[in-house]
Amino acid sequence: MKKKLATLLLFIGIVQQVTATNYYIRIDGDDSNTGLSNTPEGAWRSINTALYGYANWGG
C-alpha cells in the first residue's frame, strides 16, 4: 500500500511540474496582454488581473 501511495504522489508531482505556467506582472505591462512574457508587450500590469482574471478564464 505504501509503495502505491508513493508512486501516486510521485506521479502527481511530475504532472504538476509539466503543466506549470509562469505569468508575469510589470509596472509597464498592460492588463489586456496574455501575461506570458516578461516584457511590456506581454506582461500584465496589475496583480488583480493575475488573481481574478486567471480564475475567470478557467485556469
Protein backbone atom coordinates (compact mmCIF):
# COMPACT_ATOMS: atom_id res chain seq x y z
CA MET A 1 0.00 0.00 0.00
CA LYS A 2 2.82 2.43 0.87
CA LYS A 3 4.51 1.72 -2.45
CA LYS A 4 1.31 2.54 -4.38
CA LEU A 5 0.85 5.75 -2.43
CA ALA A 6 4.46 6.80 -3.05
CA THR A 7 4.05 6.10 -6.77
CA LEU A 8 0.83 8.12 -6.90
CA LEU A 9 2.41 11.10 -5.13
CA LEU A 10 5.41 10.98 -7.45
CA PHE A 11 3.13 10.92 -10.49
CA ILE A 12 1.12 13.90 -9.19
CA GLY A 13 4.34 15.85 -8.62
CA ILE A 14 5.56 15.15 -12.15
CA VAL A 15 2.24 16.15 -13.72
CA GLN A 16 2.18 19.43 -11.78
CA GLN A 17 5.68 20.30 -12.98
CA VAL A 18 4.84 19.55 -16.59
CA THR A 19 1.70 21.69 -16.57
CA ALA A 20 3.17 24.70 -14.72
CA THR A 21 2.86 28.09 -16.44
CA ASN A 22 4.59 31.32 -15.47
CA TYR A 23 2.63 34.57 -15.61
CA TYR A 24 4.33 37.97 -15.45
CA ILE A 25 3.29 41.30 -13.95
CA ARG A 26 5.17 44.52 -14.68
CA ILE A 27 4.52 48.16 -13.92
CA ASP A 28 4.85 48.90 -17.65
CA GLY A 29 2.63 45.96 -18.67
CA ASP A 30 -0.99 46.03 -19.80
CA ASP A 31 -3.90 44.04 -18.39
CA SER A 32 -5.07 43.21 -21.91
CA ASN A 33 -1.83 41.26 -22.53
CA THR A 34 -1.55 37.49 -22.11
CA GLY A 35 0.76 37.69 -19.09
CA LEU A 36 3.02 35.04 -20.62
CA SER A 37 6.06 37.21 -21.40
CA ASN A 38 8.30 39.30 -19.14
CA THR A 39 8.15 42.27 -21.49
CA PRO A 40 5.92 45.38 -21.54
CA GLU A 41 4.13 43.90 -24.56
CA GLY A 42 3.40 40.58 -22.85
CA ALA A 43 3.10 41.12 -19.09
CA TRP A 44 0.05 42.15 -17.11
CA ARG A 45 0.06 45.45 -15.25
CA SER A 46 -1.92 44.55 -12.12
CA ILE A 47 -1.99 41.71 -9.65
CA ASN A 48 -5.79 41.78 -9.85
CA THR A 49 -5.65 40.53 -13.43
CA ALA A 50 -3.44 37.67 -12.33
CA LEU A 51 -5.69 36.75 -9.41
CA TYR A 52 -9.19 37.38 -10.73
CA GLY A 53 -8.76 37.27 -14.49
CA TYR A 54 -6.96 33.93 -14.41
CA ALA A 55 -9.68 32.43 -12.19
CA ASN A 56 -12.39 33.63 -14.59
CA TRP A 57 -10.56 32.13 -17.58
CA GLY A 58 -10.76 28.69 -16.01
CA GLY A 59 -7.11 28.38 -15.03
